[in-house]
Amino acid sequence: MNHNVIYSNTFSNEIIKLSRKYQNLVFKKIQILRANPKHPSLRTKKLIRANNETLFESSVNMDIRLVWRYEDDKIILMLDVGHHDILKKY
């Protein structure tokens, strides 16, 4: 099952800060995520926030991370993207 992916304003603002090479890699990983959020190459992990909101982080490579959540069974909302230290926000 392929999920639909929507992008938050934060994600859209952050993706343009990455190099074209990293942007291409991010979108390739999002295609994998759409098909299988648990694909081993994504190394997806849960991030539980203080308000009990469940977010996920997935690896694009050893440096770049995606932060996202399920909107429902069929939709993934991309919240943020950036270098590994973006996880400190969550």
PDB file of N, CA and C in Angstrom:
ATOM      1  N   MET A   1       0.837  -1.190   0.000  1.00  0.00           N
ATOM      2  CA  MET A   1       0.000   0.000   0.000  1.00  0.00           C
ATOM      3  C   MET A   1       0.876   1.245   0.000  1.00  0.00           C
ATOM      4  N   ASN A   2       0.648   2.116  -0.941  1.00  0.00           N
ATOM      5  CA  ASN A   2       1.372   3.381  -0.962  1.00  0.00           C
ATOM      6  C   ASN A   2       0.588   4.432  -0.196  1.00  0.00           C
ATOM      7  N   HIS A   3       1.275   5.079   0.744  1.00  0.00           N
ATOM      8  CA  HIS A   3       0.683   6.192   1.485  1.00  0.00           C
ATOM      9  C   HIS A   3       0.759   7.453   0.637  1.00  0.00           C
ATOM     10  N   ASN A   4      -0.182   8.334   0.839  1.00  0.00           N
ATOM     11  CA  ASN A   4      -0.065   9.676   0.296  1.00  0.00           C
ATOM     12  C   ASN A   4       0.828  10.468   1.249  1.00  0.00           C
ATOM     13  N   VAL A   5       1.617  11.359   0.701  1.00  0.00           N
ATOM     14  CA  VAL A   5       2.522  12.165   1.516  1.00  0.00           C
ATOM     15  C   VAL A   5       2.160  13.636   1.332  1.00  0.00           C
ATOM     16  N   ILE A   6       2.023  14.318   2.453  1.00  0.00           N
ATOM     17  CA  ILE A   6       1.835  15.764   2.420  1.00  0.00           C
ATOM     18  C   ILE A   6       2.979  16.405   3.196  1.00  0.00           C
ATOM     19  N   TYR A   7       3.250  17.661   2.891  1.00  0.00           N
ATOM     20  CA  TYR A   7       4.420  18.340   3.430  1.00  0.00           C
ATOM     21  C   TYR A   7       4.003  19.552   4.250  1.00  0.00           C
ATOM     22  N   SER A   8       4.537  19.634   5.467  1.00  0.00           N
ATOM     23  CA  SER A   8       4.281  20.801   6.315  1.00  0.00           C
ATOM     24  C   SER A   8       5.070  21.993   5.786  1.00  0.00           C
ATOM     25  N   ASN A   9       4.699  23.174   6.246  1.00  0.00           N
ATOM     26  CA  ASN A   9       5.451  24.377   5.879  1.00  0.00           C
ATOM     27  C   ASN A   9       6.888  24.284   6.364  1.00  0.00           C
ATOM     28  N   THR A  10       7.087  23.740   7.556  1.00  0.00           N
ATOM     29  CA  THR A  10       8.450  23.590   8.087  1.00  0.00           C
ATOM     30  C   THR A  10       9.280  22.712   7.173  1.00  0.00           C
ATOM     31  N   PHE A  11       8.730  21.561   6.770  1.00  0.00           N
ATOM     32  CA  PHE A  11       9.453  20.673   5.867  1.00  0.00           C
ATOM     33  C   PHE A  11       9.818  21.422   4.578  1.00  0.00           C
ATOM     34  N   SER A  12       8.839  22.100   3.997  1.00  0.00           N
ATOM     35  CA  SER A  12       9.068  22.819   2.739  1.00  0.00           C
ATOM     36  C   SER A  12      10.145  23.889   2.886  1.00  0.00           C
ATOM     37  N   ASN A  13      10.159  24.569   4.021  1.00  0.00           N
ATOM     38  CA  ASN A  13      11.175  25.599   4.264  1.00  0.00           C
ATOM     39  C   ASN A  13      12.555  24.997   4.483  1.00  0.00           C
ATOM     40  N   GLU A  14      12.621  23.828   5.090  1.00  0.00           N
ATOM     41  CA  GLU A  14      13.916  23.218   5.410  1.00  0.00           C
ATOM     42  C   GLU A  14      14.520  22.468   4.222  1.00  0.00           C
ATOM     43  N   ILE A  15      13.706  21.853   3.388  1.00  0.00           N
ATOM     44  CA  ILE A  15      14.245  21.068   2.268  1.00  0.00           C
ATOM     45  C   ILE A  15      15.024  21.965   1.305  1.00  0.00           C
ATOM     46  N   ILE A  16      14.591  23.210   1.147  1.00  0.00           N
ATOM     47  CA  ILE A  16      15.293  24.092   0.203  1.00  0.00           C
ATOM     48  C   ILE A  16      16.656  24.539   0.732  1.00  0.00           C
ATOM     49  N   LYS A  17      16.914  24.328   2.009  1.00  0.00           N
ATOM     50  CA  LYS A  17      18.220  24.670   2.588  1.00  0.00           C
ATOM     51  C   LYS A  17      19.267  23.595   2.314  1.00  0.00           C
ATOM     52  N   LEU A  18      18.808  22.413   1.892  1.00  0.00           N
ATOM     53  CA  LEU A  18      19.730  21.312   1.609  1.00  0.00           C
ATOM     54  C   LEU A  18      20.262  21.428   0.188  1.00  0.00           C
ATOM     55  N   SER A  19      21.411  20.828  -0.045  1.00  0.00           N
ATOM     56  CA  SER A  19      21.974  20.814  -1.401  1.00  0.00           C
ATOM     57  C   SER A  19      21.062  20.012  -2.329  1.00  0.00           C
ATOM     58  N   ARG A  20      21.175  20.246  -3.615  1.00  0.00           N
ATOM     59  CA  ARG A  20      20.375  19.507  -4.611  1.00  0.00           C
ATOM     60  C   ARG A  20      20.601  18.000  -4.460  1.00  0.00           C
ATOM     61  N   LYS A  21      21.840  17.600  -4.198  1.00  0.00           N
ATOM     62  CA  LYS A  21      22.159  16.177  -4.012  1.00  0.00           C
ATOM     63  C   LYS A  21      21.347  15.600  -2.850  1.00  0.00           C
ATOM     64  N   TYR A  22      21.322  16.299  -1.720  1.00  0.00           N
ATOM     65  CA  TYR A  22      20.568  15.828  -0.563  1.00  0.00           C
ATOM     66  C   TYR A  22      19.063  15.880  -0.817  1.00  0.00           C
ATOM     67  N   GLN A  23      18.601  16.903  -1.522  1.00  0.00           N
ATOM     68  CA  GLN A  23      17.177  16.980  -1.843  1.00  0.00           C
ATOM     69  C   GLN A  23      16.744  15.761  -2.648  1.00  0.00           C
ATOM     70  N   ASN A  24      17.527  15.399  -3.665  1.00  0.00           N
ATOM     71  CA  ASN A  24      17.204  14.224  -4.477  1.00  0.00           C
ATOM     72  C   ASN A  24      17.179  12.963  -3.636  1.00  0.00           C
ATOM     73  N   LEU A  25      18.147  12.833  -2.742  1.00  0.00           N
ATOM     74  CA  LEU A  25      18.203  11.670  -1.868  1.00  0.00           C
ATOM     75  C   LEU A  25      16.993  11.625  -0.932  1.00  0.00           C
ATOM     76  N   VAL A  26      16.598  12.766  -0.395  1.00  0.00           N
ATOM     77  CA  VAL A  26      15.421  12.843   0.483  1.00  0.00           C
ATOM     78  C   VAL A  26      14.192  12.337  -0.255  1.00  0.00           C
ATOM     79  N   PHE A  27      13.977  12.801  -1.477  1.00  0.00           N
ATOM     80  CA  PHE A  27      12.769  12.405  -2.201  1.00  0.00           C
ATOM     81  C   PHE A  27      12.803  10.935  -2.619  1.00  0.00           C
ATOM     82  N   LYS A  28      13.987  10.381  -2.849  1.00  0.00           N
ATOM     83  CA  LYS A  28      14.085   8.939  -3.096  1.00  0.00           C
ATOM     84  C   LYS A  28      13.679   8.159  -1.850  1.00  0.00           C
ATOM     85  N   LYS A  29      14.138   8.617  -0.689  1.00  0.00           N
ATOM     86  CA  LYS A  29      13.775   7.939   0.563  1.00  0.00           C
ATOM     87  C   LYS A  29      12.290   8.090   0.870  1.00  0.00           C
ATOM     88  N   ILE A  30      11.704   9.228   0.516  1.00  0.00           N
ATOM     89  CA  ILE A  30      10.270   9.411   0.738  1.00  0.00           C
ATOM     90  C   ILE A  30       9.477   8.418  -0.111  1.00  0.00           C
ATOM     91  N   GLN A  31       9.964   8.101  -1.306  1.00  0.00           N
ATOM     92  CA  GLN A  31       9.287   7.093  -2.128  1.00  0.00           C
ATOM     93  C   GLN A  31       9.321   5.725  -1.446  1.00  0.00           C
ATOM     94  N   ILE A  32      10.435   5.395  -0.828  1.00  0.00           N
ATOM     95  CA  ILE A  32      10.524   4.144  -0.064  1.00  0.00           C
ATOM     96  C   ILE A  32       9.570   4.201   1.123  1.00  0.00           C
ATOM     97  N   LEU A  33       9.553   5.322   1.819  1.00  0.00           N
ATOM     98  CA  LEU A  33       8.678   5.513   2.974  1.00  0.00           C
ATOM     99  C   LEU A  33       7.212   5.356   2.575  1.00  0.00           C
ATOM    100  N   ARG A  34       6.828   5.921   1.452  1.00  0.00           N
ATOM    101  CA  ARG A  34       5.440   5.808   0.975  1.00  0.00           C
ATOM    102  C   ARG A  34       5.032   4.347   0.832  1.00  0.00           C
ATOM    103  N   ALA A  35       5.927   3.543   0.299  1.00  0.00           N
ATOM    104  CA  ALA A  35       5.621   2.134   0.041  1.00  0.00           C
ATOM    105  C   ALA A  35       5.713   1.281   1.299  1.00  0.00           C
ATOM    106  N   ASN A  36       6.695   1.607   2.176  1.00  0.00           N
ATOM    107  CA  ASN A  36       6.917   0.781   3.359  1.00  0.00           C
ATOM    108  C   ASN A  36       7.640   1.592   4.439  1.00  0.00           C
ATOM    109  N   PRO A  37       6.877   2.217   5.341  1.00  0.00           N
ATOM    110  CA  PRO A  37       7.502   3.021   6.397  1.00  0.00           C
ATOM    111  C   PRO A  37       8.460   2.235   7.303  1.00  0.00           C
ATOM    112  N   LYS A  38       8.371   0.922   7.269  1.00  0.00           N
ATOM    113  CA  LYS A  38       9.249   0.097   8.105  1.00  0.00           C
ATOM    114  C   LYS A  38      10.414  -0.503   7.316  1.00  0.00           C
ATOM    115  N   HIS A  39      10.653  -0.002   6.122  1.00  0.00           N
ATOM    116  CA  HIS A  39      11.758  -0.525   5.313  1.00  0.00           C
ATOM    117  C   HIS A  39      13.065  -0.385   6.093  1.00  0.00           C
ATOM    118  N   PRO A  40      13.884  -1.440   6.123  1.00  0.00           N
ATOM    119  CA  PRO A  40      15.118  -1.399   6.931  1.00  0.00           C
ATOM    120  C   PRO A  40      16.076  -0.261   6.590  1.00  0.00           C
ATOM    121  N   SER A  41      16.108   0.169   5.336  1.00  0.00           N
ATOM    122  CA  SER A  41      17.059   1.233   4.968  1.00  0.00           C
ATOM    123  C   SER A  41      16.702   2.569   5.597  1.00  0.00           C
ATOM    124  N   LEU A  42      15.462   2.727   6.068  1.00  0.00           N
ATOM    125  CA  LEU A  42      15.028   3.978   6.687  1.00  0.00           C
ATOM    126  C   LEU A  42      15.394   4.067   8.169  1.00  0.00           C
ATOM    127  N   ARG A  43      15.630   2.932   8.789  1.00  0.00           N
ATOM    128  CA  ARG A  43      15.946   2.872  10.230  1.00  0.00           C
ATOM    129  C   ARG A  43      14.956   3.736  11.041  1.00  0.00           C
ATOM    130  N   THR A  44      13.687   3.556  10.768  1.00  0.00           N
ATOM    131  CA  THR A  44      12.630   4.355  11.396  1.00  0.00           C
ATOM    132  C   THR A  44      12.533   4.060  12.890  1.00  0.00           C
ATOM    133  N   LYS A  45      12.384   5.139  13.672  1.00  0.00           N
ATOM    134  CA  LYS A  45      12.237   5.032  15.129  1.00  0.00           C
ATOM    135  C   LYS A  45      11.113   5.948  15.580  1.00  0.00           C
ATOM    136  N   LYS A  46      10.447   5.552  16.659  1.00  0.00           N
ATOM    137  CA  LYS A  46       9.411   6.396  17.252  1.00  0.00           C
ATOM    138  C   LYS A  46      10.048   7.482  18.096  1.00  0.00           C
ATOM    139  N   LEU A  47       9.445   8.652  18.039  1.00  0.00           N
ATOM    140  CA  LEU A  47       9.801   9.760  18.924  1.00  0.00           C
ATOM    141  C   LEU A  47       8.522  10.091  19.687  1.00  0.00           C
ATOM    142  N   ILE A  48       8.514   9.904  20.987  1.00  0.00           N
ATOM    143  CA  ILE A  48       7.340  10.214  21.793  1.00  0.00           C
ATOM    144  C   ILE A  48       7.560  11.582  22.428  1.00  0.00           C
ATOM    145  N   ARG A  49       6.695  12.514  22.099  1.00  0.00           N
ATOM    146  CA  ARG A  49       6.826  13.867  22.642  1.00  0.00           C
ATOM    147  C   ARG A  49       6.163  13.955  24.008  1.00  0.00           C
ATOM    148  N   ALA A  50       6.437  15.023  24.711  1.00  0.00           N
ATOM    149  CA  ALA A  50       5.903  15.228  26.065  1.00  0.00           C
ATOM    150  C   ALA A  50       4.377  15.185  26.087  1.00  0.00           C
ATOM    151  N   ASN A  51       3.737  15.621  25.015  1.00  0.00           N
ATOM    152  CA  ASN A  51       2.272  15.618  24.959  1.00  0.00           C
ATOM    153  C   ASN A  51       1.717  14.283  24.448  1.00  0.00           C
ATOM    154  N   ASN A  52       2.564  13.251  24.460  1.00  0.00           N
ATOM    155  CA  ASN A  52       2.210  11.897  24.011  1.00  0.00           C
ATOM    156  C   ASN A  52       1.931  11.794  22.515  1.00  0.00           C
ATOM    157  N   GLU A  53       2.290  12.816  21.762  1.00  0.00           N
ATOM    158  CA  GLU A  53       2.158  12.733  20.307  1.00  0.00           C
ATOM    159  C   GLU A  53       3.246  11.792  19.784  1.00  0.00           C
ATOM    160  N   THR A  54       2.867  10.868  18.934  1.00  0.00           N
ATOM    161  CA  THR A  54       3.828   9.933  18.363  1.00  0.00           C
ATOM    162  C   THR A  54       4.303  10.445  17.015  1.00  0.00           C
ATOM    163  N   LEU A  55       5.588  10.722  16.940  1.00  0.00           N
ATOM    164  CA  LEU A  55       6.244  11.106  15.699  1.00  0.00           C
ATOM    165  C   LEU A  55       7.231  10.004  15.349  1.00  0.00           C
ATOM    166  N   PHE A  56       7.744  10.059  14.143  1.00  0.00           N
ATOM    167  CA  PHE A  56       8.750   9.097  13.710  1.00  0.00           C
ATOM    168  C   PHE A  56       9.901   9.850  13.084  1.00  0.00           C
ATOM    169  N   GLU A  57      11.090   9.259  13.213  1.00  0.00           N
ATOM    170  CA  GLU A  57      12.249   9.787  12.509  1.00  0.00           C
ATOM    171  C   GLU A  57      12.822   8.670  11.675  1.00  0.00           C
ATOM    172  N   SER A  58      13.198   9.031  10.462  1.00  0.00           N
ATOM    173  CA  SER A  58      13.787   8.068   9.534  1.00  0.00           C
ATOM    174  C   SER A  58      15.073   8.654   8.987  1.00  0.00           C
ATOM    175  N   SER A  59      16.004   7.765   8.684  1.00  0.00           N
ATOM    176  CA  SER A  59      17.303   8.183   8.159  1.00  0.00           C
ATOM    177  C   SER A  59      17.265   8.274   6.641  1.00  0.00           C
ATOM    178  N   VAL A  60      17.789   9.360   6.136  1.00  0.00           N
ATOM    179  CA  VAL A  60      18.021   9.493   4.704  1.00  0.00           C
ATOM    180  C   VAL A  60      19.416   8.951   4.416  1.00  0.00           C
ATOM    181  N   ASN A  61      20.365   9.356   5.251  1.00  0.00           N
ATOM    182  CA  ASN A  61      21.731   8.824   5.234  1.00  0.00           C
ATOM    183  C   ASN A  61      22.257   8.951   6.668  1.00  0.00           C
ATOM    184  N   MET A  62      23.541   8.890   6.860  1.00  0.00           N
ATOM    185  CA  MET A  62      24.075   8.933   8.227  1.00  0.00           C
ATOM    186  C   MET A  62      23.912  10.322   8.858  1.00  0.00           C
ATOM    187  N   ASP A  63      23.595  11.337   8.072  1.00  0.00           N
ATOM    188  CA  ASP A  63      23.492  12.702   8.582  1.00  0.00           C
ATOM    189  C   ASP A  63      22.072  13.279   8.509  1.00  0.00           C
ATOM    190  N   ILE A  64      21.353  13.021   7.432  1.00  0.00           N
ATOM    191  CA  ILE A  64      20.058  13.669   7.186  1.00  0.00           C
ATOM    192  C   ILE A  64      18.920  12.816   7.762  1.00  0.00           C
ATOM    193  N   ARG A  65      17.984  13.500   8.448  1.00  0.00           N
ATOM    194  CA  ARG A  65      16.842  12.830   9.062  1.00  0.00           C
ATOM    195  C   ARG A  65      15.532  13.436   8.572  1.00  0.00           C
ATOM    196  N   LEU A  66      14.520  12.577   8.515  1.00  0.00           N
ATOM    197  CA  LEU A  66      13.140  12.983   8.249  1.00  0.00           C
ATOM    198  C   LEU A  66      12.358  12.843   9.542  1.00  0.00           C
ATOM    199  N   VAL A  67      11.494  13.788   9.843  1.00  0.00           N
ATOM    200  CA  VAL A  67      10.580  13.679  10.985  1.00  0.00           C
ATOM    201  C   VAL A  67       9.171  13.734  10.401  1.00  0.00           C
ATOM    202  N   TRP A  68       8.349  12.763  10.782  1.00  0.00           N
ATOM    203  CA  TRP A  68       7.022  12.648  10.200  1.00  0.00           C
ATOM    204  C   TRP A  68       6.048  11.986  11.167  1.00  0.00           C
ATOM    205  N   ARG A  69       4.762  12.001  10.779  1.00  0.00           N
ATOM    206  CA  ARG A  69       3.737  11.304  11.558  1.00  0.00           C
ATOM    207  C   ARG A  69       2.638  10.839  10.601  1.00  0.00           C
ATOM    208  N   TYR A  70       1.879   9.886  11.085  1.00  0.00           N
ATOM    209  CA  TYR A  70       0.710   9.449  10.339  1.00  0.00           C
ATOM    210  C   TYR A  70      -0.424  10.436  10.575  1.00  0.00           C
ATOM    211  N   GLU A  71      -1.101  10.841   9.528  1.00  0.00           N
ATOM    212  CA  GLU A  71      -2.317  11.645   9.651  1.00  0.00           C
ATOM    213  C   GLU A  71      -3.519  10.711   9.779  1.00  0.00           C
ATOM    214  N   ASP A  72      -3.478   9.623   9.057  1.00  0.00           N
ATOM    215  CA  ASP A  72      -4.459   8.553   9.169  1.00  0.00           C
ATOM    216  C   ASP A  72      -3.841   7.320   8.520  1.00  0.00           C
ATOM    217  N   ASP A  73      -4.635   6.325   8.219  1.00  0.00           N
ATOM    218  CA  ASP A  73      -4.099   5.081   7.656  1.00  0.00           C
ATOM    219  C   ASP A  73      -3.399   5.257   6.314  1.00  0.00           C
ATOM    220  N   LYS A  74      -3.773   6.296   5.595  1.00  0.00           N
ATOM    221  CA  LYS A  74      -3.281   6.440   4.226  1.00  0.00           C
ATOM    222  C   LYS A  74      -2.398   7.658   3.997  1.00  0.00           C
ATOM    223  N   ILE A  75      -2.243   8.506   5.004  1.00  0.00           N
ATOM    224  CA  ILE A  75      -1.513   9.773   4.811  1.00  0.00           C
ATOM    225  C   ILE A  75      -0.352   9.896   5.801  1.00  0.00           C
ATOM    226  N   ILE A  76       0.797  10.267   5.264  1.00  0.00           N
ATOM    227  CA  ILE A  76       1.975  10.589   6.070  1.00  0.00           C
ATOM    228  C   ILE A  76       2.230  12.090   5.923  1.00  0.00           C
ATOM    229  N   LEU A  77       2.371  12.769   7.050  1.00  0.00           N
ATOM    230  CA  LEU A  77       2.697  14.196   7.060  1.00  0.00           C
ATOM    231  C   LEU A  77       4.182  14.351   7.355  1.00  0.00           C
ATOM    232  N   MET A  78       4.920  14.900   6.388  1.00  0.00           N
ATOM    233  CA  MET A  78       6.332  15.174   6.579  1.00  0.00           C
ATOM    234  C   MET A  78       6.445  16.469   7.373  1.00  0.00           C
ATOM    235  N   LEU A  79       7.029  16.391   8.567  1.00  0.00           N
ATOM    236  CA  LEU A  79       7.098  17.542   9.464  1.00  0.00           C
ATOM    237  C   LEU A  79       8.383  18.341   9.327  1.00  0.00           C
ATOM    238  N   ASP A  80       9.504  17.642   9.144  1.00  0.00           N
ATOM    239  CA  ASP A  80      10.787  18.332   9.161  1.00  0.00           C
ATOM    240  C   ASP A  80      11.826  17.474   8.453  1.00  0.00           C
ATOM    241  N   VAL A  81      12.890  18.100   8.013  1.00  0.00           N
ATOM    242  CA  VAL A  81      14.025  17.427   7.398  1.00  0.00           C
ATOM    243  C   VAL A  81      15.256  18.257   7.695  1.00  0.00           C
ATOM    244  N   GLY A  82      16.373  17.575   7.877  1.00  0.00           N
ATOM    245  CA  GLY A  82      17.614  18.311   8.103  1.00  0.00           C
ATOM    246  C   GLY A  82      18.695  17.410   8.673  1.00  0.00           C
ATOM    247  N   HIS A  83      19.774  18.045   9.054  1.00  0.00           N
ATOM    248  CA  HIS A  83      20.902  17.324   9.637  1.00  0.00           C
ATOM    249  C   HIS A  83      20.483  16.732  10.981  1.00  0.00           C
ATOM    250  N   HIS A  84      21.188  15.740  11.428  1.00  0.00           N
ATOM    251  CA  HIS A  84      20.826  14.926  12.596  1.00  0.00           C
ATOM    252  C   HIS A  84      20.392  15.762  13.799  1.00  0.00           C
ATOM    253  N   ASP A  85      20.976  16.932  13.981  1.00  0.00           N
ATOM    254  CA  ASP A  85      20.648  17.742  15.169  1.00  0.00           C
ATOM    255  C   ASP A  85      19.228  18.302  15.157  1.00  0.00           C
ATOM    256  N   ILE A  86      18.473  18.167  14.063  1.00  0.00           N
ATOM    257  CA  ILE A  86      17.059  18.612  14.097  1.00  0.00           C
ATOM    258  C   ILE A  86      16.261  17.813  15.108  1.00  0.00           C
ATOM    259  N   LEU A  87      16.742  16.620  15.439  1.00  0.00           N
ATOM    260  CA  LEU A  87      16.007  15.780  16.406  1.00  0.00           C
ATOM    261  C   LEU A  87      15.942  16.419  17.776  1.00  0.00           C
ATOM    262  N   LYS A  88      16.854  17.344  18.071  1.00  0.00           N
ATOM    263  CA  LYS A  88      16.827  18.032  19.373  1.00  0.00           C
ATOM    264  C   LYS A  88      15.553  18.850  19.553  1.00  0.00           C
ATOM    265  N   LYS A  89      14.912  19.251  18.444  1.00  0.00           N
ATOM    266  CA  LYS A  89      13.655  20.011  18.507  1.00  0.00           C
ATOM    267  C   LYS A  89      12.493  19.138  18.966  1.00  0.00           C
ATOM    268  N   TYR A  90      12.683  17.835  18.840  1.00  0.00           N
ATOM    269  CA  TYR A  90      11.581  16.912  19.112  1.00  0.00           C
ATOM    270  C   TYR A  90      11.901  16.068  20.310  1.00  0.00           C
TER     271      TYR A  90
END
